[in-house]
């Protein structure tokens, strides 16, 4: 296990750098220099330190354009088997996130599959083989209104954000089609290294830089692959993670979901087919802030019924990356 970090806090420049990378995850250091307030070499070195200590990293995953199929799964199990179940689940490729929680369930899983058949096989054939699981409850995701790619640290002024967005435009699809073989290999690389340079991609794919850049733009603009920044939550200003399970009248679901997606603390808002209408994941500064959030929901979205909630105790796996018990990525 990596050496534990004690009393570490991101400084203001770290937070500005990380916020800038939330806005443009693949931006060159030269483009971030004036926004963050440090030269490109300094930024690259600081990113290397944060990355190599597991405090910040790039997460890449198949997005809406890949037509993936997802679910949130609640699991209860025999306490003595919990550690073994977590380790076994973490080896499953389709289980992208594992949260150990307090409350009415022991685990909350995020499962992402390439097809309905793959999801069904995992739920009906694979999951029952884990010894010690006493019950499961699956919520098939219908639509994701927002996820953590839209969550912000709020360390940059709005003017800085707009300047960065102008300096580094979002990717746009090119006119040339990407061969399936190239896209498949490019996707594999991006899922491992989201900030790989165009020149490196061209070398690894054995194509010209122009073709590599075009293929990259096509994949990212169509959201077949999403690249985003992630940070070690427990060391951030928002160390508390909570899952909410909500019920809403059918006619109000879309409006409520849109309202939830606008919350600054929202990390995931999804409509589901299951016992609950919506699932909501948030990051908070303190456990006590749950009361303020729930009061805010009651005032702004009166149709929401909070059926249950669970505080996250530990996250052994987050968006495909294994984490240490202290929340840092295992590098």
Protein backbone atom coordinates (compact mmCIF):
# COMPACT_ATOMS: atom_id res chain seq x y z
CA UNK A 1 0.00 0.00 0.00
CA UNK A 2 1.17 3.54 -0.70
CA UNK A 3 2.50 5.60 2.19
CA UNK A 4 -0.44 7.39 3.86
CA UNK A 5 -0.56 11.16 3.50
CA UNK A 6 -1.35 13.01 6.69
CA UNK A 7 -2.93 16.47 6.90
CA UNK A 8 -2.48 17.11 3.17
CA UNK A 9 -4.53 19.93 1.69
CA UNK A 10 -4.62 21.15 -1.90
CA UNK A 11 -3.31 24.70 -2.00
CA UNK A 12 -5.03 27.44 -3.97
CA UNK A 13 -2.82 27.00 -7.03
CA UNK A 14 -3.51 23.26 -7.00
CA UNK A 15 -7.23 23.94 -6.94
CA UNK A 16 -6.97 26.47 -9.77
CA UNK A 17 -5.01 23.95 -11.85
CA UNK A 18 -7.51 21.19 -11.13
CA UNK A 19 -10.50 23.40 -11.90
CA UNK A 20 -8.89 24.35 -15.22
CA UNK A 21 -8.42 20.65 -16.02
CA UNK A 22 -12.07 20.05 -15.19
CA UNK A 23 -12.99 22.61 -17.84
CA UNK A 24 -10.52 21.33 -20.45
CA UNK A 25 -9.02 17.98 -19.39
CA UNK A 26 -6.71 17.72 -22.41
CA UNK A 27 -5.60 21.36 -22.56
CA UNK A 28 -1.85 21.89 -23.11
CA UNK A 29 0.03 23.34 -20.15
CA UNK A 30 0.84 26.45 -22.18
CA UNK A 31 -2.88 27.20 -22.53
CA UNK A 32 -3.40 26.82 -18.78
CA UNK A 33 -0.44 28.96 -17.75
CA UNK A 34 -2.10 32.39 -17.74
CA UNK A 35 -5.31 31.01 -16.25
CA UNK A 36 -3.67 29.25 -13.30
CA UNK A 37 -0.90 31.78 -12.74
CA UNK A 38 2.20 29.63 -13.26
CA UNK A 39 4.42 28.75 -16.20
CA UNK A 40 3.84 25.59 -18.21
CA UNK A 41 6.85 23.74 -16.78
CA UNK A 42 5.70 24.40 -13.22
CA UNK A 43 2.18 23.20 -14.02
CA UNK A 44 3.44 20.02 -15.66
CA UNK A 45 5.65 19.26 -12.68
CA UNK A 46 2.87 19.92 -10.18
CA UNK A 47 0.45 17.74 -12.14
CA UNK A 48 3.04 14.97 -12.14
CA UNK A 49 3.28 15.18 -8.33
CA UNK A 50 -0.49 15.16 -7.83
CA UNK A 51 -0.90 12.33 -10.32
CA UNK A 52 1.96 10.19 -9.02
CA UNK A 53 0.73 10.46 -5.42
CA UNK A 54 -2.78 9.45 -6.49
CA UNK A 55 -4.36 12.76 -5.52
CA UNK A 56 -5.61 13.62 -9.02
CA UNK A 57 -5.94 11.70 -12.26
CA UNK A 58 -7.73 11.54 -15.57
CA UNK A 59 -10.73 9.26 -15.83
CA UNK A 60 -11.85 8.04 -19.24
CA UNK A 61 -14.98 6.04 -19.96
CA UNK A 62 -17.42 5.25 -22.73
CA UNK A 63 -19.99 8.03 -22.96
CA UNK A 64 -23.48 8.47 -24.37
CA UNK A 65 -22.21 8.15 -27.92
CA UNK A 66 -21.05 4.61 -27.22
CA UNK A 67 -24.61 3.57 -26.31
CA UNK A 68 -23.53 1.88 -23.12
CA UNK A 69 -25.99 0.37 -20.64
CA UNK A 70 -25.75 1.20 -16.95
CA UNK A 71 -27.26 0.41 -13.57
CA UNK A 72 -26.92 1.35 -9.92
CA UNK A 73 -26.94 -1.78 -7.75
CA UNK A 74 -27.48 -1.88 -3.99
CA UNK A 75 -25.96 -4.85 -2.19
CA UNK A 76 -26.32 -6.19 1.34
CA UNK A 77 -24.04 -8.92 2.59
CA UNK A 78 -22.83 -10.86 5.61
CA UNK A 79 -20.40 -8.51 7.45
CA UNK A 80 -17.59 -11.05 7.65
CA UNK A 81 -17.63 -11.50 3.86
CA UNK A 82 -17.66 -7.81 2.92
CA UNK A 83 -13.92 -7.39 2.30
CA UNK A 84 -13.76 -10.48 0.09
CA UNK A 85 -16.83 -9.45 -1.89
CA UNK A 86 -15.38 -5.98 -2.48
CA UNK A 87 -12.09 -7.42 -3.73
CA UNK A 88 -13.89 -9.83 -6.06
CA UNK A 89 -16.24 -7.16 -7.40
CA UNK A 90 -13.32 -4.80 -8.01
CA UNK A 91 -11.89 -7.33 -10.47
CA UNK A 92 -15.04 -7.18 -12.58
CA UNK A 93 -14.53 -4.88 -15.56
CA UNK A 94 -18.20 -3.89 -15.75
CA UNK A 95 -18.24 -2.76 -12.11
CA UNK A 96 -16.77 0.71 -12.52
CA UNK A 97 -17.47 2.11 -9.04
CA UNK A 98 -17.82 0.50 -5.61
CA UNK A 99 -18.94 2.58 -2.63
CA UNK A 100 -19.02 1.06 0.85
CA UNK A 101 -21.85 2.81 2.63
CA UNK A 102 -23.64 3.30 5.91
CA UNK A 103 -27.40 2.85 5.91
CA UNK A 104 -29.77 0.31 4.43
CA UNK A 105 -27.20 -1.22 2.09
CA UNK A 106 -23.56 -2.20 2.46
CA UNK A 107 -22.46 -1.39 -1.08
CA UNK A 108 -23.58 0.80 -3.95
CA UNK A 109 -22.20 -0.28 -7.34
CA UNK A 110 -22.17 1.56 -10.63
CA UNK A 111 -22.22 -0.98 -13.45
CA UNK A 112 -21.49 -0.06 -17.07
CA UNK A 113 -21.94 -2.60 -19.86
CA UNK A 114 -21.71 -2.61 -23.63
CA UNK A 115 -25.18 -4.12 -24.08
CA UNK A 116 -28.36 -5.19 -22.33
CA UNK A 117 -27.23 -8.79 -22.71
CA UNK A 118 -23.97 -8.11 -20.89
CA UNK A 119 -25.77 -6.28 -18.07
CA UNK A 120 -28.31 -9.07 -17.73
CA UNK A 121 -25.60 -11.73 -17.65
CA UNK A 122 -23.74 -9.88 -14.89
CA UNK A 123 -26.85 -9.37 -12.76
CA UNK A 124 -28.44 -12.79 -13.22
CA UNK A 125 -25.45 -15.07 -13.71
CA UNK A 126 -22.30 -13.51 -12.26
CA UNK A 127 -23.54 -11.57 -9.22
CA UNK A 128 -25.32 -14.57 -7.61
CA UNK A 129 -22.01 -16.46 -7.53
CA UNK A 130 -20.51 -14.10 -4.93
CA UNK A 131 -20.71 -15.92 -1.61
CA UNK A 132 -21.98 -13.77 1.26
CA UNK A 133 -24.35 -11.49 -0.65
CA UNK A 134 -27.74 -11.61 1.04
CA UNK A 135 -29.72 -9.27 -1.20
CA UNK A 136 -29.40 -7.03 -4.24
CA UNK A 137 -31.56 -4.29 -5.71
CA UNK A 138 -30.94 -3.05 -9.23
CA UNK A 139 -31.90 0.32 -10.66
CA UNK A 140 -31.48 0.30 -14.42
CA UNK A 141 -30.36 3.75 -15.54
CA UNK A 142 -32.71 5.27 -18.08
CA UNK A 143 -31.08 8.67 -18.55
CA UNK A 144 -28.15 10.50 -16.99
CA UNK A 145 -28.92 14.18 -16.52
CA UNK A 146 -25.49 15.09 -15.21
CA UNK A 147 -22.36 13.37 -13.99
CA UNK A 148 -19.07 14.40 -12.44
CA UNK A 149 -17.67 15.82 -15.69
CA UNK A 150 -19.92 18.85 -14.96
CA UNK A 151 -19.01 19.20 -11.27
CA UNK A 152 -16.64 22.07 -10.51
CA UNK A 153 -14.21 23.01 -7.73
CA UNK A 154 -15.14 26.70 -8.09
CA UNK A 155 -11.55 27.88 -7.71
CA UNK A 156 -11.50 29.91 -10.94
CA UNK A 157 -13.41 33.09 -11.57
CA UNK A 158 -16.05 32.88 -14.28
CA UNK A 159 -13.98 35.20 -16.48
CA UNK A 160 -11.07 32.77 -16.25
CA UNK A 161 -13.31 29.86 -17.21
CA UNK A 162 -14.64 31.72 -20.26
CA UNK A 163 -11.12 32.70 -21.29
CA UNK A 164 -9.99 29.07 -21.10
CA UNK A 165 -13.02 27.89 -23.07
CA UNK A 166 -12.17 30.42 -25.81
CA UNK A 167 -8.48 29.53 -25.82
CA UNK A 168 -9.11 25.77 -26.03
CA UNK A 169 -12.31 25.10 -28.03
CA UNK A 170 -14.11 21.79 -27.50
CA UNK A 171 -13.37 19.04 -30.04
CA UNK A 172 -15.39 19.08 -33.26
CA UNK A 173 -16.02 16.11 -35.50
CA UNK A 174 -13.99 16.06 -38.67
CA UNK A 175 -15.24 15.12 -42.12
CA UNK A 176 -13.22 11.91 -42.40
CA UNK A 177 -14.60 8.71 -40.92
CA UNK A 178 -12.58 6.80 -38.35
CA UNK A 179 -11.96 3.14 -39.29
CA UNK A 180 -13.34 0.78 -36.68
CA UNK A 181 -9.92 -0.70 -36.01
CA UNK A 182 -8.39 2.73 -35.36
CA UNK A 183 -11.27 3.84 -33.14
CA UNK A 184 -11.11 0.65 -31.12
CA UNK A 185 -7.39 1.03 -30.47
CA UNK A 186 -7.67 4.78 -29.82
CA UNK A 187 -10.46 4.15 -27.32
CA UNK A 188 -8.31 1.56 -25.55
CA UNK A 189 -5.45 4.06 -25.27
CA UNK A 190 -7.66 6.90 -24.03
CA UNK A 191 -9.21 4.67 -21.39
CA UNK A 192 -5.69 4.21 -20.02
CA UNK A 193 -4.19 7.66 -20.63
CA UNK A 194 -6.74 10.41 -21.24
CA UNK A 195 -4.11 13.14 -21.73
CA UNK A 196 -2.03 11.25 -24.28
CA UNK A 197 -0.70 13.77 -26.82
CA UNK A 198 -1.67 13.68 -30.48
CA UNK A 199 1.93 12.89 -31.42
CA UNK A 200 2.02 9.94 -29.02
CA UNK A 201 -1.35 8.72 -30.27
CA UNK A 202 -0.13 8.91 -33.86
CA UNK A 203 2.98 6.91 -32.99
CA UNK A 204 1.06 4.25 -31.06
CA UNK A 205 -1.61 3.97 -33.76
CA UNK A 206 0.96 4.10 -36.57
CA UNK A 207 -0.92 6.81 -38.43
CA UNK A 208 -0.15 10.43 -39.24
CA UNK A 209 -0.64 13.12 -36.57
CA UNK A 210 -3.35 14.69 -38.75
CA UNK A 211 -5.32 11.43 -38.87
CA UNK A 212 -4.78 10.88 -35.15
CA UNK A 213 -6.07 14.37 -34.37
CA UNK A 214 -9.11 13.86 -36.61
CA UNK A 215 -9.90 10.48 -35.04
CA UNK A 216 -9.50 11.93 -31.55
CA UNK A 217 -11.82 14.85 -32.31
CA UNK A 218 -14.45 12.52 -33.76
CA UNK A 219 -14.48 10.21 -30.74
CA UNK A 220 -14.48 12.99 -28.13
CA UNK A 221 -17.02 15.24 -29.87
CA UNK A 222 -19.45 12.32 -30.26
CA UNK A 223 -18.86 11.41 -26.60
CA UNK A 224 -18.02 7.85 -27.50
CA UNK A 225 -15.25 8.39 -24.99
CA UNK A 226 -15.39 10.96 -22.17
CA UNK A 227 -12.20 12.25 -20.53
CA UNK A 228 -12.55 14.05 -17.22
CA UNK A 229 -10.54 14.99 -14.15
CA UNK A 230 -11.02 13.13 -10.87
CA UNK A 231 -9.54 13.95 -7.47
CA UNK A 232 -9.14 12.14 -4.18
CA UNK A 233 -12.39 13.18 -2.51
CA UNK A 234 -11.17 12.66 1.04
CA UNK A 235 -8.40 15.25 0.55
CA UNK A 236 -10.64 17.77 -1.22
CA UNK A 237 -12.76 20.55 0.29
CA UNK A 238 -15.75 18.22 -0.28
CA UNK A 239 -14.81 15.02 1.58
CA UNK A 240 -18.36 13.77 2.26
CA UNK A 241 -20.15 11.68 -0.37
CA UNK A 242 -23.83 10.76 -0.06
CA UNK A 243 -26.20 8.70 -2.18
CA UNK A 244 -29.87 9.75 -2.26
CA UNK A 245 -32.69 7.53 -3.49
CA UNK A 246 -35.69 9.60 -4.56
CA UNK A 247 -39.28 9.06 -5.55
CA UNK A 248 -41.12 11.57 -7.75
CA UNK A 249 -44.57 11.48 -9.43
CA UNK A 250 -44.10 10.24 -13.02
CA UNK A 251 -45.33 13.49 -14.55
CA UNK A 252 -42.74 15.47 -12.54
CA UNK A 253 -39.65 13.33 -13.08
CA UNK A 254 -38.11 15.30 -15.96
CA UNK A 255 -38.55 18.67 -14.27
CA UNK A 256 -37.23 17.45 -10.94
CA UNK A 257 -34.28 15.73 -12.60
CA UNK A 258 -33.35 18.96 -14.38
CA UNK A 259 -33.56 20.82 -11.08
CA UNK A 260 -31.32 18.31 -9.37
CA UNK A 261 -28.80 18.50 -12.22
CA UNK A 262 -28.46 22.21 -11.49
CA UNK A 263 -27.28 21.64 -7.91
CA UNK A 264 -23.65 22.64 -7.34
CA UNK A 265 -23.06 19.53 -5.22
CA UNK A 266 -24.50 17.01 -7.71
CA UNK A 267 -22.05 14.41 -9.01
CA UNK A 268 -24.66 12.13 -10.59
CA UNK A 269 -28.32 12.57 -11.39
CA UNK A 270 -30.01 9.70 -13.20
CA UNK A 271 -33.56 8.59 -13.85
CA UNK A 272 -34.01 4.90 -13.20
CA UNK A 273 -36.35 2.02 -13.78
CA UNK A 274 -36.76 0.48 -10.37
CA UNK A 275 -38.06 1.19 -6.89
CA UNK A 276 -36.89 4.80 -7.10
CA UNK A 277 -37.54 7.42 -9.76
CA UNK A 278 -34.12 9.04 -9.41
CA UNK A 279 -30.73 8.44 -7.87
CA UNK A 280 -28.58 11.38 -6.78
CA UNK A 281 -24.93 11.37 -5.70
CA UNK A 282 -23.49 14.48 -4.04
CA UNK A 283 -20.25 15.70 -2.49
CA UNK A 284 -20.55 17.90 0.60
CA UNK A 285 -18.17 19.80 2.84
CA UNK A 286 -19.58 18.33 6.07
CA UNK A 287 -22.01 15.62 7.10
CA UNK A 288 -24.08 18.37 8.71
CA UNK A 289 -24.66 19.86 5.26
CA UNK A 290 -27.02 16.98 4.49
CA UNK A 291 -29.73 18.73 6.51
CA UNK A 292 -29.30 21.97 4.55
CA UNK A 293 -29.38 20.10 1.22
CA UNK A 294 -32.51 18.18 2.15
CA UNK A 295 -34.20 21.37 3.28
CA UNK A 296 -33.20 22.99 -0.03
CA UNK A 297 -34.68 20.06 -1.95
CA UNK A 298 -37.93 20.37 -0.02
CA UNK A 299 -38.20 24.08 -0.73
CA UNK A 300 -37.13 24.11 -4.39
CA UNK A 301 -38.45 20.71 -5.50
CA UNK A 302 -41.51 19.97 -3.36
CA UNK A 303 -42.43 16.86 -5.36
CA UNK A 304 -39.27 15.04 -4.26
CA UNK A 305 -39.64 12.34 -1.63
CA UNK A 306 -36.35 11.20 -0.13
CA UNK A 307 -36.93 7.48 0.25
CA UNK A 308 -33.48 6.75 1.63
CA UNK A 309 -29.92 8.01 1.79
CA UNK A 310 -26.49 6.47 2.47
CA UNK A 311 -23.22 8.10 3.46
CA UNK A 312 -20.19 6.70 1.66
CA UNK A 313 -17.63 5.31 4.10
CA UNK A 314 -14.99 4.21 1.59
CA UNK A 315 -14.62 3.92 -2.19
CA UNK A 316 -12.42 0.96 -3.15
CA UNK A 317 -12.99 1.54 -6.88
CA UNK A 318 -13.98 4.72 -8.70
CA UNK A 319 -14.75 4.87 -12.42
CA UNK A 320 -12.55 1.87 -13.13
CA UNK A 321 -9.62 2.96 -10.93
CA UNK A 322 -8.68 1.13 -7.72
CA UNK A 323 -8.27 3.40 -4.70
CA UNK A 324 -6.40 3.15 -1.42
CA UNK A 325 -8.49 3.22 1.77
CA UNK A 326 -7.58 6.90 2.18
CA UNK A 327 -9.18 7.69 -1.21
CA UNK A 328 -6.09 8.14 -3.36
CA UNK A 329 -5.75 6.32 -6.64
CA UNK A 330 -3.49 3.30 -6.66
CA UNK A 331 -0.88 4.29 -9.24
